[in-house]
C-alpha atoms as a PDB file:
ATOM      1  CA  MET A   1     -18.336 -24.294 -12.685  1.00  0.00           C
ATOM      2  CA  PRO A   2     -17.964 -20.415 -13.079  1.00  0.00           C
ATOM      3  CA  ASN A   3     -14.711 -18.928 -14.656  1.00  0.00           C
ATOM      4  CA  LEU A   4     -12.817 -16.678 -12.372  1.00  0.00           C
ATOM      5  CA  THR A   5      -9.932 -14.256 -13.436  1.00  0.00           C
ATOM      6  CA  ILE A   6      -7.415 -13.419 -10.838  1.00  0.00           C
ATOM      7  CA  ILE A   7      -4.956 -10.529 -11.806  1.00  0.00           C
ATOM      8  CA  LYS A   8      -2.066  -9.775  -9.804  1.00  0.00           C
ATOM      9  CA  VAL A   9      -0.252  -6.408 -10.800  1.00  0.00           C
ATOM     10  CA  GLY A  10       2.896  -5.025  -9.248  1.00  0.00           C
ATOM     11  CA  GLY A  11       3.610  -1.758  -7.742  1.00  0.00           C
ATOM     12  CA  ALA A  12       5.627  -0.470 -10.754  1.00  0.00           C
ATOM     13  CA  ILE A  13       2.261  -0.684 -12.773  1.00  0.00           C
ATOM     14  CA  VAL A  14      -0.130   0.636 -10.237  1.00  0.00           C
ATOM     15  CA  GLU A  15       2.214   3.659  -9.346  1.00  0.00           C
ATOM     16  CA  ASN A  16       2.121   4.828 -13.082  1.00  0.00           C
ATOM     17  CA  GLU A  17      -0.987   6.682 -13.845  1.00  0.00           C
ATOM     18  CA  ALA A  18      -0.810   5.854 -17.517  1.00  0.00           C
ATOM     19  CA  SER A  19      -0.223   2.016 -17.192  1.00  0.00           C
ATOM     20  CA  LEU A  20      -2.761   1.839 -14.273  1.00  0.00           C
ATOM     21  CA  ASN A  21      -5.343   3.240 -16.539  1.00  0.00           C
ATOM     22  CA  HIS A  22      -4.574   0.948 -19.365  1.00  0.00           C
ATOM     23  CA  LEU A  23      -4.774  -1.936 -16.895  1.00  0.00           C
ATOM     24  CA  LEU A  24      -7.841  -1.103 -15.327  1.00  0.00           C
ATOM     25  CA  ASN A  25      -9.697  -0.507 -18.630  1.00  0.00           C
ATOM     26  CA  ASP A  26      -8.853  -4.164 -19.648  1.00  0.00           C
ATOM     27  CA  PHE A  27      -9.679  -5.432 -16.087  1.00  0.00           C
ATOM     28  CA  ALA A  28     -12.919  -3.661 -16.401  1.00  0.00           C
ATOM     29  CA  ASN A  29     -13.876  -5.453 -19.546  1.00  0.00           C
ATOM     30  CA  ILE A  30     -12.862  -9.167 -17.978  1.00  0.00           C
ATOM     31  CA  PRO A  31     -16.217 -10.913 -17.328  1.00  0.00           C
ATOM     32  CA  ALA A  32     -16.927 -11.340 -13.674  1.00  0.00           C
ATOM     33  CA  PRO A  33     -16.308 -12.843 -11.251  1.00  0.00           C
ATOM     34  CA  LYS A  34     -12.850 -11.408 -11.121  1.00  0.00           C
ATOM     35  CA  LEU A  35     -10.423 -10.141  -8.550  1.00  0.00           C
ATOM     36  CA  LEU A  36      -7.301  -8.001  -8.410  1.00  0.00           C
ATOM     37  CA  VAL A  37      -4.306  -8.232  -6.116  1.00  0.00           C
ATOM     38  CA  HIS A  38      -1.869  -5.580  -6.272  1.00  0.00           C
ATOM     39  CA  GLY A  39       1.417  -4.249  -4.852  1.00  0.00           C
ATOM     40  CA  GLY A  40       2.851  -1.015  -4.088  1.00  0.00           C
ATOM     41  CA  GLY A  41       6.542  -1.323  -2.644  1.00  0.00           C
ATOM     42  CA  ARG A  42       7.793   1.580  -4.345  1.00  0.00           C
ATOM     43  CA  SER A  43       5.241   3.916  -2.855  1.00  0.00           C
ATOM     44  CA  ALA A  44       5.967   2.433   0.437  1.00  0.00           C
ATOM     45  CA  THR A  45       9.469   3.314   0.032  1.00  0.00           C
ATOM     46  CA  ARG A  46       8.844   6.966  -1.067  1.00  0.00           C
ATOM     47  CA  PHE A  47       6.658   7.594   1.821  1.00  0.00           C
ATOM     48  CA  ALA A  48       8.916   5.999   4.404  1.00  0.00           C
ATOM     49  CA  GLU A  49      11.565   8.362   2.950  1.00  0.00           C
ATOM     50  CA  ARG A  50       9.451  11.264   3.635  1.00  0.00           C
ATOM     51  CA  LEU A  51       8.968  10.314   7.094  1.00  0.00           C
ATOM     52  CA  GLY A  52      12.592   9.676   7.705  1.00  0.00           C
ATOM     53  CA  ILE A  53      11.961   5.882   7.973  1.00  0.00           C
ATOM     54  CA  LYS A  54      15.024   3.703   6.537  1.00  0.00           C
ATOM     55  CA  THR A  55      14.213   1.147   4.063  1.00  0.00           C
ATOM     56  CA  GLN A  56      15.910  -2.326   4.378  1.00  0.00           C
ATOM     57  CA  MET A  57      15.783  -4.848   1.700  1.00  0.00           C
ATOM     58  CA  ILE A  58      17.287  -8.529   1.934  1.00  0.00           C
ATOM     59  CA  ASP A  59      17.093 -10.642  -1.353  1.00  0.00           C
ATOM     60  CA  GLY A  60      14.452  -8.119  -2.690  1.00  0.00           C
ATOM     61  CA  ARG A  61      12.188  -8.592   0.368  1.00  0.00           C
ATOM     62  CA  ARG A  62      11.285  -5.575   2.642  1.00  0.00           C
ATOM     63  CA  VAL A  63      12.346  -5.818   6.457  1.00  0.00           C
ATOM     64  CA  THR A  64       9.276  -4.891   8.084  1.00  0.00           C
ATOM     65  CA  ASP A  65      10.030  -3.286  11.734  1.00  0.00           C
ATOM     66  CA  THR A  66       7.013  -1.559  13.583  1.00  0.00           C
ATOM     67  CA  PRO A  67       7.619   1.941  11.909  1.00  0.00           C
ATOM     68  CA  MET A  68       7.715   0.311   8.483  1.00  0.00           C
ATOM     69  CA  LEU A  69       4.612  -1.771   9.158  1.00  0.00           C
ATOM     70  CA  GLU A  70       2.730   1.506   9.836  1.00  0.00           C
ATOM     71  CA  VAL A  71       3.802   2.907   6.663  1.00  0.00           C
ATOM     72  CA  VAL A  72       2.890  -0.379   4.447  1.00  0.00           C
ATOM     73  CA  THR A  73      -0.442  -0.759   6.237  1.00  0.00           C
ATOM     74  CA  MET A  74      -1.299   3.028   5.127  1.00  0.00           C
ATOM     75  CA  VAL A  75       0.080   2.757   1.713  1.00  0.00           C
ATOM     76  CA  TYR A  76      -1.069  -0.636   0.638  1.00  0.00           C
ATOM     77  CA  GLY A  77      -4.395  -0.963   2.556  1.00  0.00           C
ATOM     78  CA  GLY A  78      -5.018   2.565   2.295  1.00  0.00           C
ATOM     79  CA  LEU A  79      -3.728   4.961  -0.362  1.00  0.00           C
ATOM     80  CA  VAL A  80      -2.891   2.452  -3.303  1.00  0.00           C
ATOM     81  CA  ASN A  81      -5.977   0.301  -2.441  1.00  0.00           C
ATOM     82  CA  LYS A  82      -8.636   2.872  -2.146  1.00  0.00           C
ATOM     83  CA  ASN A  83      -7.339   4.465  -5.297  1.00  0.00           C
ATOM     84  CA  ILE A  84      -7.662   1.602  -7.500  1.00  0.00           C
ATOM     85  CA  VAL A  85     -11.142   0.957  -5.910  1.00  0.00           C
ATOM     86  CA  ALA A  86     -12.164   4.577  -6.614  1.00  0.00           C
ATOM     87  CA  ALA A  87     -10.768   4.176 -10.353  1.00  0.00           C
ATOM     88  CA  LEU A  88     -12.943   0.735 -10.814  1.00  0.00           C
ATOM     89  CA  GLN A  89     -15.935   2.355  -9.413  1.00  0.00           C
ATOM     90  CA  LYS A  90     -15.564   5.043 -12.188  1.00  0.00           C
ATOM     91  CA  ARG A  91     -15.495   2.243 -14.716  1.00  0.00           C
ATOM     92  CA  GLY A  92     -18.829   0.647 -13.419  1.00  0.00           C
ATOM     93  CA  ILE A  93     -16.967  -1.911 -11.308  1.00  0.00           C
ATOM     94  CA  ASN A  94     -18.530  -2.936  -7.968  1.00  0.00           C
ATOM     95  CA  ALA A  95     -14.999  -3.068  -6.156  1.00  0.00           C
ATOM     96  CA  LEU A  96     -14.329  -3.714  -2.556  1.00  0.00           C
ATOM     97  CA  GLY A  97     -10.999  -3.027  -1.228  1.00  0.00           C
ATOM     98  CA  VAL A  98      -9.702  -5.176   1.375  1.00  0.00           C
ATOM     99  CA  THR A  99      -6.615  -6.843   3.040  1.00  0.00           C
ATOM    100  CA  GLY A 100      -5.796 -10.333   4.374  1.00  0.00           C
ATOM    101  CA  ALA A 101      -7.225  -9.180   7.646  1.00  0.00           C
ATOM    102  CA  ASP A 102     -10.434  -8.198   6.463  1.00  0.00           C
ATOM    103  CA  LEU A 103     -13.075 -10.973   6.891  1.00  0.00           C
ATOM    104  CA  ASN A 104     -10.233 -13.379   7.803  1.00  0.00           C
ATOM    105  CA  LEU A 105      -9.273 -13.860   4.208  1.00  0.00           C
ATOM    106  CA  ILE A 106      -5.679 -14.571   4.394  1.00  0.00           C
ATOM    107  CA  LEU A 107      -4.256 -15.946   7.762  1.00  0.00           C
ATOM    108  CA  SER A 108      -0.222 -15.949   7.963  1.00  0.00           C
ATOM    109  CA  GLN A 109       2.415 -16.585  10.595  1.00  0.00           C
ATOM    110  CA  LYS A 110       5.222 -14.150  11.454  1.00  0.00           C
ATOM    111  CA  ARG A 111       8.467 -15.188   9.732  1.00  0.00           C
ATOM    112  CA  PRO A 112      10.611 -16.692  12.017  1.00  0.00           C
ATOM    113  CA  ILE A 113      14.263 -15.588  12.369  1.00  0.00           C
ATOM    114  CA  LYS A 114      16.664 -17.560  10.296  1.00  0.00           C
ATOM    115  CA  ASN A 115      20.363 -17.537   9.736  1.00  0.00           C
ATOM    116  CA  GLY A 116      20.370 -14.325  11.892  1.00  0.00           C
ATOM    117  CA  ILE A 117      18.015 -12.774   9.499  1.00  0.00           C
ATOM    118  CA  ASP A 118      14.827 -10.977  11.237  1.00  0.00           C
ATOM    119  CA  TYR A 119      12.334  -9.818   8.667  1.00  0.00           C
ATOM    120  CA  GLY A 120      10.151  -8.334  11.404  1.00  0.00           C
ATOM    121  CA  TRP A 121       6.473  -8.225  10.743  1.00  0.00           C
ATOM    122  CA  VAL A 122       6.562 -10.085   7.657  1.00  0.00           C
ATOM    123  CA  GLY A 123       3.918 -12.847   7.156  1.00  0.00           C
ATOM    124  CA  ASP A 124       4.126 -16.318   5.648  1.00  0.00           C
ATOM    125  CA  VAL A 125       0.766 -17.465   4.391  1.00  0.00           C
ATOM    126  CA  LYS A 126      -0.605 -20.391   6.184  1.00  0.00           C
ATOM    127  CA  SER A 127      -4.269 -20.519   4.948  1.00  0.00           C
ATOM    128  CA  GLY A 128      -7.249 -18.489   3.201  1.00  0.00           C
ATOM    129  CA  ASN A 129     -10.799 -18.488   3.547  1.00  0.00           C
ATOM    130  CA  SER A 130     -12.460 -19.890   0.502  1.00  0.00           C
ATOM    131  CA  ALA A 131     -16.044 -19.820   1.793  1.00  0.00           C
ATOM    132  CA  THR A 132     -15.946 -15.924   2.275  1.00  0.00           C
ATOM    133  CA  PHE A 133     -14.181 -15.390  -1.149  1.00  0.00           C
ATOM    134  CA  ALA A 134     -16.968 -17.474  -2.741  1.00  0.00           C
ATOM    135  CA  LYS A 135     -19.526 -15.291  -0.882  1.00  0.00           C
ATOM    136  CA  LEU A 136     -17.989 -12.165  -2.141  1.00  0.00           C
ATOM    137  CA  LEU A 137     -17.661 -13.230  -5.879  1.00  0.00           C
ATOM    138  CA  ASN A 138     -21.117 -14.681  -5.847  1.00  0.00           C
ATOM    139  CA  ALA A 139     -22.528 -11.379  -4.635  1.00  0.00           C
ATOM    140  CA  GLY A 140     -21.133  -9.751  -7.767  1.00  0.00           C
ATOM    141  CA  ILE A 141     -18.370  -8.056  -5.734  1.00  0.00           C
ATOM    142  CA  VAL A 142     -14.946  -7.418  -7.371  1.00  0.00           C
ATOM    143  CA  PRO A 143     -12.464  -7.785  -4.425  1.00  0.00           C
ATOM    144  CA  VAL A 144      -9.278  -5.565  -4.763  1.00  0.00           C
ATOM    145  CA  LEU A 145      -6.765  -7.265  -2.297  1.00  0.00           C
ATOM    146  CA  ALA A 146      -3.848  -5.391  -0.730  1.00  0.00           C
ATOM    147  CA  PRO A 147      -0.703  -7.392   0.191  1.00  0.00           C
ATOM    148  CA  LEU A 148      -1.282  -7.566   4.100  1.00  0.00           C
ATOM    149  CA  SER A 149      -2.452 -10.406   5.960  1.00  0.00           C
ATOM    150  CA  HIS A 150      -2.969 -11.189   9.844  1.00  0.00           C
ATOM    151  CA  ASP A 151      -1.870 -13.706  12.376  1.00  0.00           C
ATOM    152  CA  GLY A 152      -4.962 -14.297  14.181  1.00  0.00           C
ATOM    153  CA  GLU A 153      -3.606 -12.525  17.277  1.00  0.00           C
ATOM    154  CA  GLY A 154      -4.180  -8.983  16.441  1.00  0.00           C
ATOM    155  CA  HIS A 155      -1.126  -8.299  14.321  1.00  0.00           C
ATOM    156  CA  ILE A 156      -1.107  -7.112  10.553  1.00  0.00           C
ATOM    157  CA  LEU A 157       1.749  -8.606   8.497  1.00  0.00           C
ATOM    158  CA  ASN A 158       3.385  -7.395   5.437  1.00  0.00           C
ATOM    159  CA  THR A 159       3.079 -10.191   2.912  1.00  0.00           C
ATOM    160  CA  ASN A 160       4.350 -10.719  -0.520  1.00  0.00           C
ATOM    161  CA  ALA A 161       1.706 -10.004  -3.134  1.00  0.00           C
ATOM    162  CA  ASP A 162       2.661 -12.998  -5.372  1.00  0.00           C
ATOM    163  CA  THR A 163       1.993 -15.246  -2.552  1.00  0.00           C
ATOM    164  CA  ILE A 164      -1.185 -13.487  -1.576  1.00  0.00           C
ATOM    165  CA  ALA A 165      -2.474 -13.968  -5.240  1.00  0.00           C
ATOM    166  CA  ALA A 166      -1.635 -17.528  -5.210  1.00  0.00           C
ATOM    167  CA  GLN A 167      -3.291 -18.437  -2.022  1.00  0.00           C
ATOM    168  CA  THR A 168      -6.502 -16.724  -3.316  1.00  0.00           C
ATOM    169  CA  ALA A 169      -6.439 -18.479  -6.335  1.00  0.00           C
ATOM    170  CA  ILE A 170      -6.049 -21.744  -4.433  1.00  0.00           C
ATOM    171  CA  GLU A 171      -8.918 -20.713  -2.091  1.00  0.00           C
ATOM    172  CA  CYS A 172     -11.018 -19.781  -5.104  1.00  0.00           C
ATOM    173  CA  ALA A 173     -10.438 -22.989  -6.915  1.00  0.00           C
ATOM    174  CA  THR A 174     -11.158 -24.948  -3.690  1.00  0.00           C
ATOM    175  CA  ALA A 175     -14.589 -23.008  -3.600  1.00  0.00           C
ATOM    176  CA  GLY A 176     -15.272 -24.441  -7.156  1.00  0.00           C
ATOM    177  CA  PHE A 177     -14.202 -21.719  -9.254  1.00  0.00           C
ATOM    178  CA  ASN A 178     -12.568 -22.640 -12.612  1.00  0.00           C
ATOM    179  CA  THR A 179      -9.614 -20.249 -11.777  1.00  0.00           C
ATOM    180  CA  SER A 180      -7.104 -18.472 -13.930  1.00  0.00           C
ATOM    181  CA  LEU A 181      -4.293 -16.587 -12.263  1.00  0.00           C
ATOM    182  CA  ILE A 182      -2.571 -14.019 -14.459  1.00  0.00           C
ATOM    183  CA  TYR A 183       0.848 -12.427 -13.087  1.00  0.00           C
ATOM    184  CA  CYS A 184       1.428  -9.250 -14.974  1.00  0.00           C
ATOM    185  CA  PHE A 185       4.396  -6.948 -14.719  1.00  0.00           C
ATOM    186  CA  GLU A 186       6.395  -4.873 -17.255  1.00  0.00           C
ATOM    187  CA  LYS A 187       7.790  -7.615 -19.498  1.00  0.00           C
ATOM    188  CA  ASP A 188       5.937  -9.626 -22.089  1.00  0.00           C
ATOM    189  CA  GLY A 189       6.642 -12.898 -20.154  1.00  0.00           C
ATOM    190  CA  VAL A 190       9.336 -15.089 -18.720  1.00  0.00           C
ATOM    191  CA  LEU A 191      12.606 -14.057 -20.929  1.00  0.00           C
ATOM    192  CA  ALA A 192      15.239 -16.402 -21.905  1.00  0.00           C
ATOM    193  CA  ASP A 193      17.612 -13.439 -22.269  1.00  0.00           C
ATOM    194  CA  ALA A 194      16.906 -10.669 -19.516  1.00  0.00           C
ATOM    195  CA  ASN A 195      18.331  -8.073 -22.199  1.00  0.00           C
ATOM    196  CA  ASP A 196      16.108  -9.046 -24.971  1.00  0.00           C
ATOM    197  CA  ASP A 197      12.525  -8.282 -24.385  1.00  0.00           C
ATOM    198  CA  SER A 198      11.480 -10.345 -27.318  1.00  0.00           C
ATOM    199  CA  SER A 199      12.954 -13.509 -26.027  1.00  0.00           C
ATOM    200  CA  VAL A 200       9.708 -14.621 -24.317  1.00  0.00           C
ATOM    201  CA  ILE A 201       9.372 -18.360 -23.330  1.00  0.00           C
ATOM    202  CA  PRO A 202       6.016 -19.349 -24.611  1.00  0.00           C
ATOM    203  CA  THR A 203       5.581 -22.277 -22.088  1.00  0.00           C
ATOM    204  CA  ILE A 204       7.330 -23.555 -19.137  1.00  0.00           C
ATOM    205  CA  ASP A 205       6.647 -26.925 -17.316  1.00  0.00           C
ATOM    206  CA  PHE A 206       8.116 -28.046 -14.034  1.00  0.00           C
ATOM    207  CA  SER A 207      11.000 -30.216 -15.649  1.00  0.00           C
ATOM    208  CA  LYS A 208      11.906 -27.130 -17.953  1.00  0.00           C
ATOM    209  CA  TYR A 209      11.822 -24.671 -14.938  1.00  0.00           C
ATOM    210  CA  LEU A 210      14.227 -26.738 -12.964  1.00  0.00           C
ATOM    211  CA  SER A 211      16.525 -26.785 -16.109  1.00  0.00           C
ATOM    212  CA  LEU A 212      16.197 -22.885 -16.769  1.00  0.00           C
ATOM    213  CA  LYS A 213      16.738 -22.291 -13.025  1.00  0.00           C
ATOM    214  CA  ALA A 214      19.959 -24.503 -12.953  1.00  0.00           C
ATOM    215  CA  ASP A 215      21.179 -22.684 -15.866  1.00  0.00           C
ATOM    216  CA  GLY A 216      20.630 -19.181 -14.162  1.00  0.00           C
ATOM    217  CA  ILE A 217      18.401 -18.155 -16.692  1.00  0.00           C
ATOM    218  CA  ILE A 218      15.630 -18.016 -14.325  1.00  0.00           C
ATOM    219  CA  SER A 219      16.756 -16.269 -11.033  1.00  0.00           C
ATOM    220  CA  GLY A 220      15.935 -13.457  -8.516  1.00  0.00           C
ATOM    221  CA  GLY A 221      12.388 -12.854  -7.956  1.00  0.00           C
ATOM    222  CA  MET A 222      11.178 -14.665 -10.790  1.00  0.00           C
ATOM    223  CA  ILE A 223      11.929 -17.963  -8.859  1.00  0.00           C
ATOM    224  CA  PRO A 224       9.190 -17.385  -6.059  1.00  0.00           C
ATOM    225  CA  LYS A 225       6.814 -16.323  -8.684  1.00  0.00           C
ATOM    226  CA  LEU A 226       7.162 -19.637 -10.495  1.00  0.00           C
ATOM    227  CA  ASP A 227       7.164 -21.603  -7.335  1.00  0.00           C
ATOM    228  CA  ASN A 228       3.898 -19.907  -6.455  1.00  0.00           C
ATOM    229  CA  ALA A 229       2.649 -20.810 -10.073  1.00  0.00           C
ATOM    230  CA  PHE A 230       3.225 -24.404  -9.691  1.00  0.00           C
ATOM    231  CA  GLU A 231       1.857 -24.623  -6.327  1.00  0.00           C
ATOM    232  CA  THR A 232      -1.269 -23.199  -7.435  1.00  0.00           C
ATOM    233  CA  LEU A 233      -1.635 -25.468 -10.384  1.00  0.00           C
ATOM    234  CA  ARG A 234      -0.753 -28.540  -8.072  1.00  0.00           C
ATOM    235  CA  ALA A 235      -3.775 -27.424  -5.884  1.00  0.00           C
ATOM    236  CA  GLY A 236      -6.246 -27.273  -8.517  1.00  0.00           C
ATOM    237  CA  VAL A 237      -5.734 -23.829 -10.353  1.00  0.00           C
ATOM    238  CA  LYS A 238      -6.799 -24.406 -14.074  1.00  0.00           C
ATOM    239  CA  ARG A 239      -4.305 -21.842 -15.687  1.00  0.00           C
ATOM    240  CA  VAL A 240      -1.393 -19.701 -14.859  1.00  0.00           C
ATOM    241  CA  ILE A 241       0.163 -17.067 -17.187  1.00  0.00           C
ATOM    242  CA  ILE A 242       2.913 -14.647 -16.735  1.00  0.00           C
ATOM    243  CA  THR A 243       2.548 -11.492 -19.004  1.00  0.00           C
ATOM    244  CA  ASN A 244       2.888  -7.867 -19.766  1.00  0.00           C
ATOM    245  CA  ALA A 245       0.305  -5.929 -17.834  1.00  0.00           C
ATOM    246  CA  ALA A 246      -0.667  -4.245 -21.127  1.00  0.00           C
ATOM    247  CA  ASN A 247      -1.659  -7.497 -22.521  1.00  0.00           C
ATOM    248  CA  ILE A 248      -4.284  -8.958 -19.994  1.00  0.00           C
ATOM    249  CA  ALA A 249      -6.987  -8.550 -22.800  1.00  0.00           C
ATOM    250  CA  THR A 250      -5.065 -11.100 -24.954  1.00  0.00           C
ATOM    251  CA  PRO A 251      -4.270 -13.717 -22.105  1.00  0.00           C
ATOM    252  CA  ASP A 252      -2.994 -16.139 -24.812  1.00  0.00           C
ATOM    253  CA  THR A 253       0.232 -13.876 -24.921  1.00  0.00           C
ATOM    254  CA  GLY A 254       3.063 -14.243 -22.302  1.00  0.00           C
ATOM    255  CA  THR A 255       4.346 -17.372 -20.779  1.00  0.00           C
ATOM    256  CA  VAL A 256       1.958 -20.315 -19.803  1.00  0.00           C
ATOM    257  CA  ILE A 257       2.756 -22.172 -16.850  1.00  0.00           C
ATOM    258  CA  THR A 258       1.847 -25.930 -16.833  1.00  0.00           C
ATOM    259  CA  LEU A 259       2.686 -29.041 -14.784  1.00  0.00           C
END
């Protein structure tokens, strides 16, 4: 069973030249097979402003009407994705930039209106294409996956990058890869104290997660990230780590998520 590393990196990292270069240098040194999932929300917001398109967020999630869908498709699937691909090619990595719509990799459904909230063209992941992921990886290709999916009816859907990474990890585990998923961002891991960067929690199992969430120590955007992490572990992913993007070369650092 081949070992596979999936790195999910947020927009704050990929939109900073220095941090992106550091990440890609480390990523290039990870043995293949490997896969990168990226965000890019800040770039989308910036380009929307330049085009006079208002950005609306609800609970940290972007409302995606038709004009905003055009922006995120251009920015995520185009500008951010292809810049990463070109930078990896420079480092000798045979990268292929894709969205979930390409090769039917990630299928989603449009999020229904709930409690009067309409997120527009936002997708909730339904399934992935394990066979195609396996073909790409076994061919020596390094997929770089933008946070877009499709509904099978001809519509692109803006889709949470953490969820895309989780579904990708599940599909790769299903295809027989010994899969590790590393969520990386600006902090060294999940913090016990949001104001103390040294307060990294080394390990979180599901019981501890429920306790930390009830106490308000884990909140906001970290909740769906951890929900995704536990879902992947239950589906056969071998290891999930949340760590600093600068530390992916030393994956024993950060917070290890276990069942």
